[in-house]
Protein backbone atom coordinates (compact mmCIF):
# COMPACT_ATOMS: atom_id res chain seq x y z
CA UNK A 1 238.12 100.87 144.82
CA UNK A 2 238.69 97.18 145.46
CA UNK A 3 235.60 95.70 147.12
CA UNK A 4 236.04 92.63 149.29
CA UNK A 5 232.76 90.85 148.71
CA UNK A 6 233.76 87.26 149.40
CA UNK A 7 234.56 86.59 145.75
CA UNK A 8 237.96 86.08 144.12
CA UNK A 9 240.59 88.77 143.88
CA UNK A 10 242.38 89.37 140.60
CA UNK A 11 246.13 89.65 140.36
CA UNK A 12 245.64 93.10 138.89
CA UNK A 13 243.63 94.17 141.96
CA UNK A 14 246.45 92.97 144.18
CA UNK A 15 248.93 95.08 142.23
CA UNK A 16 246.62 98.12 142.32
CA UNK A 17 246.38 98.01 146.10
CA UNK A 18 249.97 96.97 146.75
CA UNK A 19 251.78 99.32 144.38
CA UNK A 20 249.37 102.14 143.60
CA UNK A 21 247.51 102.47 146.90
CA UNK A 22 244.07 101.69 145.51
CA UNK A 23 241.52 101.96 148.36
CA UNK A 24 239.78 98.88 149.74
CA UNK A 25 236.25 98.46 151.09
CA UNK A 26 234.29 95.66 152.76
CA UNK A 27 231.07 94.83 150.90
CA UNK A 28 227.78 94.40 152.74
CA UNK A 29 227.49 90.76 151.66
CA UNK A 30 230.85 90.00 153.23
CA UNK A 31 229.83 91.74 156.45
CA UNK A 32 226.81 89.45 156.68
CA UNK A 33 228.93 86.36 156.07
CA UNK A 34 231.36 87.51 158.74
CA UNK A 35 228.54 88.09 161.23
CA UNK A 36 227.11 84.62 160.58
CA UNK A 37 230.49 82.96 160.97
CA UNK A 38 231.23 84.88 164.16
CA UNK A 39 227.91 84.00 165.77
CA UNK A 40 228.67 80.34 165.17
CA UNK A 41 232.18 80.64 166.69
CA UNK A 42 230.73 82.35 169.76
CA UNK A 43 228.35 79.41 170.15
CA UNK A 44 231.22 76.93 169.88
CA UNK A 45 233.40 78.88 172.30
CA UNK A 46 230.69 78.74 174.94
CA UNK A 47 230.76 74.93 174.91
CA UNK A 48 233.13 72.35 176.34
CA UNK A 49 233.82 70.39 173.14
CA UNK A 50 237.52 70.34 172.18
CA UNK A 51 237.81 72.44 168.99
CA UNK A 52 241.26 73.20 167.63
CA UNK A 53 242.37 76.76 168.31
CA UNK A 54 239.02 77.73 169.80
CA UNK A 55 238.85 75.69 172.99
CA UNK A 56 242.28 74.04 172.69
CA UNK A 57 245.89 74.99 172.12
CA UNK A 58 247.53 74.77 168.70
CA UNK A 59 250.15 72.61 167.00
CA UNK A 60 251.37 69.84 169.28
CA UNK A 61 249.40 71.55 172.08
CA UNK A 62 246.15 70.66 170.32
CA UNK A 63 245.10 68.34 173.15
CA UNK A 64 245.38 71.00 175.85
CA UNK A 65 241.87 72.28 176.64
CA UNK A 66 241.86 75.99 177.44
CA UNK A 67 239.53 77.20 180.23
CA UNK A 68 236.87 79.67 179.02
CA UNK A 69 238.40 82.48 181.07
CA UNK A 70 241.73 82.13 179.24
CA UNK A 71 240.57 81.66 175.66
CA UNK A 72 240.94 85.31 174.70
CA UNK A 73 244.42 85.32 176.26
CA UNK A 74 245.33 82.38 174.03
CA UNK A 75 244.70 84.46 170.90
CA UNK A 76 246.91 87.35 171.96
CA UNK A 77 249.59 84.96 173.17
CA UNK A 78 249.59 83.21 169.80
CA UNK A 79 250.38 86.51 168.11
CA UNK A 80 253.14 87.42 170.54
CA UNK A 81 254.77 83.99 170.56
CA UNK A 82 254.66 83.49 166.79
CA UNK A 83 256.03 86.94 165.86
CA UNK A 84 259.60 85.70 165.56
CA UNK A 85 260.44 86.39 161.94
CA UNK A 86 264.01 87.27 161.02
CA UNK A 87 265.86 88.82 158.12
CA UNK A 88 265.28 91.96 156.13
CA UNK A 89 261.87 93.63 156.33
CA UNK A 90 259.65 93.04 153.34
CA UNK A 91 259.13 96.00 151.01
CA UNK A 92 256.02 98.07 151.61
CA UNK A 93 254.27 96.87 148.47
CA UNK A 94 254.72 93.24 149.50
CA UNK A 95 253.32 93.95 152.96
CA UNK A 96 250.30 95.68 151.44
CA UNK A 97 249.67 92.70 149.18
CA UNK A 98 249.86 90.35 152.18
CA UNK A 99 247.39 92.48 154.13
CA UNK A 100 244.97 92.58 151.22
CA UNK A 101 245.01 88.81 150.79
CA UNK A 102 244.55 88.34 154.54
CA UNK A 103 241.53 90.65 154.56
CA UNK A 104 240.03 89.01 151.47
CA UNK A 105 240.39 85.50 152.90
CA UNK A 106 238.86 86.46 156.24
CA UNK A 107 236.04 88.32 154.48
CA UNK A 108 234.80 85.05 152.99
CA UNK A 109 233.33 84.25 156.39
CA UNK A 110 234.79 80.80 156.94
CA UNK A 111 237.32 81.89 159.55
CA UNK A 112 234.81 83.02 162.14
CA UNK A 113 236.30 86.43 162.94
CA UNK A 114 234.28 89.55 163.73
CA UNK A 115 233.77 92.14 160.99
CA UNK A 116 235.93 94.57 162.99
CA UNK A 117 238.99 92.38 162.38
CA UNK A 118 238.70 92.74 158.62
CA UNK A 119 237.74 96.39 158.93
CA UNK A 120 240.91 97.06 160.94
CA UNK A 121 243.12 95.45 158.30
CA UNK A 122 241.36 97.52 155.63
CA UNK A 123 241.73 100.71 157.67
CA UNK A 124 245.47 100.09 157.98
CA UNK A 125 245.70 99.60 154.22
CA UNK A 126 243.74 102.73 153.40
CA UNK A 127 245.55 104.87 155.96
CA UNK A 128 248.95 103.42 155.12
CA UNK A 129 249.78 101.78 158.42
CA UNK A 130 252.30 99.18 157.31
CA UNK A 131 253.58 96.55 159.75
CA UNK A 132 257.28 95.74 159.71
CA UNK A 133 257.33 92.13 158.51
CA UNK A 134 260.64 90.22 158.42
CA UNK A 135 260.88 88.13 155.27
CA UNK A 136 262.15 84.86 156.80
CA UNK A 137 260.66 82.36 159.19
CA UNK A 138 257.76 80.71 157.35
CA UNK A 139 257.93 76.99 156.57
CA UNK A 140 254.91 77.33 154.30
CA UNK A 141 252.50 75.15 156.25
CA UNK A 142 250.09 76.09 158.97
CA UNK A 143 250.30 79.08 156.71
CA UNK A 144 252.93 81.80 156.88
CA UNK A 145 252.75 81.83 160.67
CA UNK A 146 255.73 84.00 161.62
CA UNK A 147 255.31 86.73 158.96
CA UNK A 148 251.56 86.94 159.50
CA UNK A 149 252.11 87.18 163.24
CA UNK A 150 254.02 90.41 162.62
CA UNK A 151 251.02 91.76 160.70
CA UNK A 152 248.72 90.77 163.56
CA UNK A 153 251.16 92.24 166.08
CA UNK A 154 250.75 95.65 164.51
CA UNK A 155 246.96 95.33 164.47
CA UNK A 156 246.92 94.83 168.26
CA UNK A 157 249.24 97.79 168.78
CA UNK A 158 252.48 95.90 169.41
CA UNK A 159 255.68 95.67 167.40
CA UNK A 160 256.63 98.17 164.73
CA UNK A 161 255.26 99.86 161.66
CA UNK A 162 257.10 101.65 158.88
CA UNK A 163 256.55 105.30 158.08
CA UNK A 164 258.51 107.04 155.37
CA UNK A 165 261.26 104.44 155.51
CA UNK A 166 261.71 104.55 159.29
CA UNK A 167 260.37 102.32 162.04
CA UNK A 168 257.95 103.64 164.62
CA UNK A 169 256.00 101.80 167.33
CA UNK A 170 252.84 100.25 165.92
CA UNK A 171 250.75 101.85 168.65
CA UNK A 172 251.98 105.27 167.52
CA UNK A 173 251.27 104.52 163.87
CA UNK A 174 247.73 103.36 164.68
CA UNK A 175 247.07 106.43 166.83
CA UNK A 176 248.27 108.81 164.09
CA UNK A 177 246.00 107.06 161.59
CA UNK A 178 243.02 107.07 163.94
CA UNK A 179 242.81 103.27 163.99
CA UNK A 180 241.86 101.59 167.26
CA UNK A 181 244.05 98.60 168.17
CA UNK A 182 242.29 95.25 168.01
CA UNK A 183 241.40 93.37 171.15
CA UNK A 184 241.34 89.79 169.96
CA UNK A 185 238.57 87.41 170.81
CA UNK A 186 238.23 83.64 170.43
CA UNK A 187 239.84 82.19 167.27
CA UNK A 188 240.85 85.59 165.89
CA UNK A 189 244.57 85.39 166.63
CA UNK A 190 244.76 81.98 165.01
CA UNK A 191 242.78 83.19 161.99
CA UNK A 192 245.18 86.09 161.49
CA UNK A 193 248.19 83.76 161.60
CA UNK A 194 246.97 80.84 159.51
CA UNK A 195 247.00 81.36 155.77
CA UNK A 196 249.15 81.37 152.65
CA UNK A 197 249.13 85.13 152.32
CA UNK A 198 252.87 85.80 152.13
CA UNK A 199 253.41 83.04 149.57
CA UNK A 200 250.43 84.12 147.49
CA UNK A 201 251.07 87.87 147.75
CA UNK A 202 254.70 87.69 146.68
CA UNK A 203 253.76 85.14 144.04
CA UNK A 204 251.02 87.33 142.58
CA UNK A 205 253.34 90.30 142.16
CA UNK A 206 256.12 88.10 140.76
CA UNK A 207 253.77 86.59 138.16
CA UNK A 208 252.65 90.02 136.98
CA UNK A 209 256.26 91.19 136.72
CA UNK A 210 257.24 88.02 134.87
CA UNK A 211 254.43 88.49 132.34
CA UNK A 212 255.71 91.99 131.54
CA UNK A 213 259.29 90.76 131.42
CA UNK A 214 258.45 87.97 128.99
CA UNK A 215 257.19 90.49 126.44
CA UNK A 216 260.18 92.77 127.02
CA UNK A 217 262.56 89.85 126.46
CA UNK A 218 260.96 89.31 123.04
CA UNK A 219 261.71 92.95 122.23
CA UNK A 220 265.34 92.67 123.34
CA UNK A 221 265.74 89.40 121.47
CA UNK A 222 264.35 90.88 118.26
CA UNK A 223 266.80 93.78 118.50
CA UNK A 224 269.72 91.41 119.03
CA UNK A 225 268.62 89.22 116.13
CA UNK A 226 268.66 92.17 113.77
CA UNK A 227 271.92 93.59 115.14
CA UNK A 228 273.55 90.17 114.61
CA UNK A 229 272.25 89.98 111.02
CA UNK A 230 270.04 87.05 111.89
CA UNK A 231 267.03 85.77 109.98
CA UNK A 232 263.39 85.86 111.03
CA UNK A 233 262.59 82.87 108.81
CA UNK A 234 262.65 80.61 111.90
CA UNK A 235 259.59 82.47 113.19
CA UNK A 236 257.43 81.50 110.20
CA UNK A 237 253.92 80.64 111.40
CA UNK A 238 253.97 77.35 109.48
CA UNK A 239 256.83 76.06 111.63
CA UNK A 240 255.07 76.80 114.87
CA UNK A 241 251.71 75.48 113.75
CA UNK A 242 253.38 72.06 113.81
CA UNK A 243 254.26 72.45 117.51
CA UNK A 244 251.45 74.57 118.90
CA UNK A 245 252.51 75.31 122.45
CA UNK A 246 250.76 78.61 123.31
CA UNK A 247 253.90 80.30 124.62
CA UNK A 248 255.89 79.34 121.55
CA UNK A 249 253.16 80.58 119.22
CA UNK A 250 252.93 83.91 121.06
CA UNK A 251 256.68 84.55 120.94
CA UNK A 252 256.95 83.66 117.27
CA UNK A 253 254.11 86.06 116.51
CA UNK A 254 255.79 88.82 118.50
CA UNK A 255 259.13 88.32 116.77
CA UNK A 256 257.56 88.42 113.33
CA UNK A 257 255.83 91.68 114.18
CA UNK A 258 258.85 93.25 115.87
CA UNK A 259 261.11 92.55 112.87
CA UNK A 260 258.55 93.37 110.19
CA UNK A 261 259.74 95.76 107.47
CA UNK A 262 263.37 95.36 108.54
CA UNK A 263 265.83 96.72 106.00
CA UNK A 264 268.60 94.97 107.94
CA UNK A 265 267.07 91.53 107.47
CA UNK A 266 266.17 92.28 103.86
CA UNK A 267 269.77 93.25 103.13
CA UNK A 268 271.07 89.70 103.74
CA UNK A 269 268.05 87.59 102.93
CA UNK A 270 269.96 85.76 100.19
CA UNK A 271 273.19 85.22 102.13
CA UNK A 272 274.80 81.77 102.46
CA UNK A 273 274.18 81.34 106.19
CA UNK A 274 271.86 78.35 106.59
CA UNK A 275 270.86 78.71 110.23
CA UNK A 276 271.37 81.09 113.13
CA UNK A 277 272.63 80.09 116.57
CA UNK A 278 270.08 78.63 118.97
CA UNK A 279 269.95 81.80 121.07
CA UNK A 280 268.47 83.55 118.01
CA UNK A 281 266.68 80.81 116.13
CA UNK A 282 265.10 79.12 119.16
CA UNK A 283 263.70 82.19 120.90
CA UNK A 284 260.09 81.02 120.37
CA UNK A 285 260.85 77.68 121.97
CA UNK A 286 262.87 79.02 124.93
CA UNK A 287 261.05 82.29 125.60
CA UNK A 288 257.87 80.31 125.04
CA UNK A 289 258.78 77.84 127.77
CA UNK A 290 259.11 80.75 130.20
CA UNK A 291 255.63 81.84 129.23
CA UNK A 292 254.31 78.34 129.96
CA UNK A 293 255.83 78.60 133.45
CA UNK A 294 254.22 82.01 133.93
CA UNK A 295 250.85 80.72 132.74
CA UNK A 296 251.01 77.77 135.12
CA UNK A 297 251.97 79.96 138.06
CA UNK A 298 249.26 82.48 137.23
CA UNK A 299 246.57 79.80 137.10
CA UNK A 300 247.57 78.53 140.55
CA UNK A 301 247.70 82.04 141.99
CA UNK A 302 244.29 82.97 140.57
CA UNK A 303 242.72 80.03 142.38
CA UNK A 304 244.59 80.89 145.57
CA UNK A 305 243.23 84.44 145.44
CA UNK A 306 239.72 82.97 145.62
CA UNK A 307 240.53 80.69 148.56
CA UNK A 308 240.33 80.49 152.34
CA UNK A 309 243.53 79.05 153.77
CA UNK A 310 242.70 79.18 157.49
CA UNK A 311 242.23 76.25 159.89
CA UNK A 312 239.84 75.26 161.34
CA UNK A 313 237.08 76.44 159.02
CA UNK A 314 233.53 77.16 160.09
CA UNK A 315 230.40 76.31 158.14
CA UNK A 316 227.56 77.98 160.05
CA UNK A 317 224.90 76.89 157.56
CA UNK A 318 225.83 73.28 158.30
CA UNK A 319 226.49 73.81 162.00
CA UNK A 320 229.98 72.39 161.43
CA UNK A 321 233.58 73.27 162.17
CA UNK A 322 236.22 71.28 160.29
CA UNK A 323 239.98 70.97 160.66
CA UNK A 324 241.95 70.50 157.46
CA UNK A 325 245.08 71.63 155.67
CA UNK A 326 244.16 74.50 153.35
CA UNK A 327 247.09 76.42 154.82
CA UNK A 328 249.57 74.05 153.19
CA UNK A 329 251.54 75.87 150.53
CA UNK A 330 252.79 72.97 148.40
CA UNK A 331 250.82 73.92 145.30
CA UNK A 332 252.15 77.48 145.52
CA UNK A 333 255.68 76.24 146.05
CA UNK A 334 255.54 74.07 142.95
CA UNK A 335 254.14 76.93 140.87
CA UNK A 336 256.63 79.52 142.09
CA UNK A 337 259.61 77.19 141.79
CA UNK A 338 258.50 76.59 138.21
CA UNK A 339 258.28 80.33 137.65
CA UNK A 340 261.85 80.81 138.90
CA UNK A 341 263.02 78.03 136.60
CA UNK A 342 261.35 79.71 133.63
CA UNK A 343 262.96 83.04 134.48
CA UNK A 344 266.33 81.29 134.66
CA UNK A 345 265.86 80.10 131.09
CA UNK A 346 264.85 83.57 129.93
CA UNK A 347 267.94 85.16 131.46
CA UNK A 348 270.21 82.32 130.32
CA UNK A 349 269.38 82.64 126.65
CA UNK A 350 269.49 86.43 126.92
CA UNK A 351 273.02 86.29 128.30
CA UNK A 352 274.06 84.14 125.33
CA UNK A 353 272.78 86.80 122.94
CA UNK A 354 274.58 89.48 124.95
CA UNK A 355 277.80 87.55 124.52
CA UNK A 356 277.28 87.30 120.78
CA UNK A 357 276.79 91.06 120.58
CA UNK A 358 280.18 91.80 122.16
CA UNK A 359 282.27 88.73 121.33
CA UNK A 360 284.68 89.18 118.37
CA UNK A 361 285.07 85.39 118.13
CA UNK A 362 281.43 84.89 117.17
CA UNK A 363 280.65 88.19 115.52
CA UNK A 364 283.12 89.80 113.17
CA UNK A 365 280.70 92.34 111.73
CA UNK A 366 280.43 94.44 114.90
CA UNK A 367 283.35 96.12 116.69
CA UNK A 368 284.68 94.10 119.64
CA UNK A 369 282.68 94.86 122.77
CA UNK A 370 280.69 97.40 120.77
CA UNK A 371 283.30 100.12 121.14
CA UNK A 372 284.25 102.14 118.05
CA UNK A 373 287.67 102.74 119.67
CA UNK A 374 288.55 99.34 121.09
CA UNK A 375 291.85 99.06 122.93
CA UNK A 376 292.05 102.29 124.87
CA UNK A 377 288.31 101.89 125.37
CA UNK A 378 286.72 98.63 126.62
CA UNK A 379 283.18 99.45 125.55
CA UNK A 380 280.55 97.11 126.97
CA UNK A 381 282.97 94.27 127.75
CA UNK A 382 282.08 94.15 131.45
CA UNK A 383 278.35 94.31 130.76
CA UNK A 384 278.55 90.72 129.55
CA UNK A 385 280.44 89.72 132.70
CA UNK A 386 277.63 91.19 134.78
CA UNK A 387 274.97 89.39 132.76
CA UNK A 388 276.91 86.15 133.21
CA UNK A 389 277.08 86.68 136.97
CA UNK A 390 273.36 87.38 137.14
CA UNK A 391 272.45 84.37 135.02
CA UNK A 392 274.65 82.15 137.18
CA UNK A 393 273.01 83.43 140.36
CA UNK A 394 269.60 82.93 138.81
CA UNK A 395 270.40 79.25 138.35
CA UNK A 396 270.75 78.97 142.11
CA UNK A 397 267.36 80.65 142.52
CA UNK A 398 265.89 78.04 140.18
CA UNK A 399 266.76 75.18 142.57
CA UNK A 400 263.37 74.19 144.03
CA UNK A 401 262.58 75.06 147.64
CA UNK A 402 259.31 73.14 147.71
CA UNK A 403 260.91 69.68 147.59
CA UNK A 404 262.46 70.34 150.99
CA UNK A 405 260.68 69.60 154.24
CA UNK A 406 261.79 69.87 157.86
CA UNK A 407 259.20 68.82 160.47
CA UNK A 408 257.99 71.26 163.14
CA UNK A 409 255.82 71.33 166.27
CA UNK A 410 256.90 68.02 167.74
CA UNK A 411 256.21 66.09 164.49
CA UNK A 412 252.57 67.21 164.46
CA UNK A 413 253.54 69.24 161.40
CA UNK A 414 255.74 66.62 159.78
CA UNK A 415 255.68 67.66 156.12
CA UNK A 416 256.03 71.36 155.45
CA UNK A 417 256.00 72.98 152.02
CA UNK A 418 258.79 75.57 152.39
CA UNK A 419 256.84 77.52 149.76
CA UNK A 420 257.62 80.86 151.38
CA UNK A 421 261.17 80.18 150.23
CA UNK A 422 259.81 79.53 146.74
CA UNK A 423 258.05 82.90 146.81
CA UNK A 424 261.13 84.76 147.98
CA UNK A 425 263.21 83.04 145.29
CA UNK A 426 260.69 83.90 142.59
CA UNK A 427 260.76 87.55 143.63
CA UNK A 428 264.58 87.50 143.51
CA UNK A 429 264.54 85.71 140.15
CA UNK A 430 262.36 88.41 138.60
CA UNK A 431 264.84 91.10 139.63
CA UNK A 432 267.84 89.19 138.30
CA UNK A 433 266.16 88.39 134.99
CA UNK A 434 264.99 91.97 134.57
CA UNK A 435 268.54 93.24 134.88
CA UNK A 436 269.77 90.77 132.25
CA UNK A 437 267.03 91.92 129.85
CA UNK A 438 267.99 95.53 130.57
CA UNK A 439 271.62 94.79 129.64
CA UNK A 440 270.52 93.16 126.39
CA UNK A 441 268.35 96.16 125.50
CA UNK A 442 271.26 98.49 126.11
CA UNK A 443 273.77 96.50 124.08
CA UNK A 444 271.35 95.68 121.27
CA UNK A 445 270.58 99.38 120.84
CA UNK A 446 274.31 100.09 120.58
CA UNK A 447 274.77 97.28 118.07
CA UNK A 448 271.85 98.48 115.94
CA UNK A 449 273.50 101.89 115.74
CA UNK A 450 276.36 100.25 113.84
CA UNK A 451 273.90 98.93 111.22
CA UNK A 452 272.93 102.43 110.07
CA UNK A 453 271.86 103.49 107.54
CA UNK A 454 269.97 100.19 107.39
CA UNK A 455 266.87 100.43 109.54
CA UNK A 456 265.63 97.63 111.81
CA UNK A 457 262.02 96.46 111.95
CA UNK A 458 259.40 98.88 113.20
CA UNK A 459 259.21 97.30 116.63
CA UNK A 460 262.96 97.06 117.07
CA UNK A 461 263.37 100.63 115.86
CA UNK A 462 260.83 101.91 118.38
CA UNK A 463 262.65 100.09 121.18
CA UNK A 464 266.03 101.51 120.12
CA UNK A 465 264.59 105.01 120.03
CA UNK A 466 263.17 104.56 123.54
CA UNK A 467 266.61 103.54 124.78
CA UNK A 468 268.28 106.43 123.00
CA UNK A 469 265.90 108.97 124.53
CA UNK A 470 267.52 108.19 127.89
CA UNK A 471 270.94 106.70 127.09
CA UNK A 472 273.23 108.19 124.41
CA UNK A 473 275.34 105.96 122.15
CA UNK A 474 278.62 104.81 123.66
CA UNK A 475 281.49 106.42 121.78
CA UNK A 476 284.16 106.49 124.47
CA UNK A 477 284.22 104.75 127.84
CA UNK A 478 282.12 106.29 130.58
CA UNK A 479 280.78 105.26 133.99
CA UNK A 480 279.21 101.92 133.11
CA UNK A 481 276.81 101.59 136.03
CA UNK A 482 275.00 104.77 135.00
CA UNK A 483 274.12 103.12 131.68
CA UNK A 484 273.04 99.88 133.39
CA UNK A 485 270.90 101.73 135.92
CA UNK A 486 269.25 103.77 133.20
CA UNK A 487 268.52 100.64 131.18
CA UNK A 488 267.00 98.97 134.24
CA UNK A 489 264.85 102.03 134.78
CA UNK A 490 263.53 101.70 131.23
CA UNK A 491 262.47 98.13 132.04
CA UNK A 492 260.90 99.05 135.36
CA UNK A 493 258.88 102.03 134.17
CA UNK A 494 257.61 100.27 131.04
CA UNK A 495 258.74 102.98 128.64
CA UNK A 496 260.38 100.60 126.13
CA UNK A 497 257.38 98.32 125.94
CA UNK A 498 255.05 101.33 125.75
CA UNK A 499 257.02 102.74 122.82
CA UNK A 500 256.99 99.44 120.96
CA UNK A 501 253.28 98.83 121.47
CA UNK A 502 252.49 102.40 120.44
CA UNK A 503 254.23 101.66 117.14
CA UNK A 504 253.05 98.11 116.32
CA UNK A 505 250.17 97.46 118.71
CA UNK A 506 249.97 95.25 121.82
CA UNK A 507 252.31 92.30 121.94
CA UNK A 508 251.12 88.81 122.81
């Protein structure tokens, strides 16, 4: 159970609710804070003072005072008019993460909504009523207005929900789940729309995936190092103590442990090769830089998961309502653009190792393209092409979105963050990088087979065995995509990392 008590959410709680359906509850302390905030909003709404979104319009219409009899209509109209997102619908897990972050932010009591608003979002989560939310349309300031409007649209019984992969009317989905549609009151439509919840939700899941992928890339890199008869001397702790970036230190530690007790490395310890190629020797520095990007993004997301990103904000204890810009996503955009850049580096260096595994110009000790019958059989030649295509596409995903800004709302909103684009790019970057790592795992396992009877390090050996439990060695050409899909599945279900950590303990 994830309790919304007004405190911070963890990234792990977001994943539990989004991907595993963990139930959510509203804590009593949050209910009290909501009641206090709502009582204050009701007091404000009864007055004549112009207060943004409560007694006035929004955006450039901020100076239009709304008559008391029409203030509830304003809230519903905001939802209807802002629900204009376009593009593919977000996956169910992403929508669940968005809904959780929305409920958690509102539960902190500074948005002035009634408890029933948060309770309705929670009921939809627990009973699996999932709004259809198009992924495009947010400019990342004034929150994720268009996507969040589609969430709110479902809550009021309009628009569509998804059920078993098909769309059904939201009113029908609510009725089946026994959830009463919301009838919005003053400020509540605006509170549902304002917020950074798409940016933060997609970012939280991307950060968690990137953390897992960073460790898996160390495993794939260690396997490639051994298959290419590389040295682990470059991972000596004394080297890295002289440049103590945390990510670099962690990767060097992992690589030492993964290659420990390697008969392959021992067999050529006294060879004449002075240094390995950068893609092998500099794994701590390059993989480590990805980890620094992940750490930065995680730190930003953790603070965002403890935040209220609505506007205006109410402070009933002070008798104050304040307009500000907590909905502005610039900090998230910077963090998620950095994450995508780090993932681009991880995939880029991985593709270079993939090339070395199959390329007869740089590696004479392994059969060309890892086929024992090259000529009639092409082996894993095209696997490197695919990795190259993915790495090239990932470079386009690493171009920052958050440095762009196009004004909206008649220049009232004249500097937008575009951080929703950063979040969508980061999510895409994770998928591209994961596939590159999967290709390296597949090819490195094949290459290690050619080193028998010499055994790789304990960690590398455990990884190869995990691959071989699902994918047989490639002797003669077969349907390539089946191998690539199986390798991706190993990355997605965690079985390779689980096997390695069962053998040598948790990786850094």
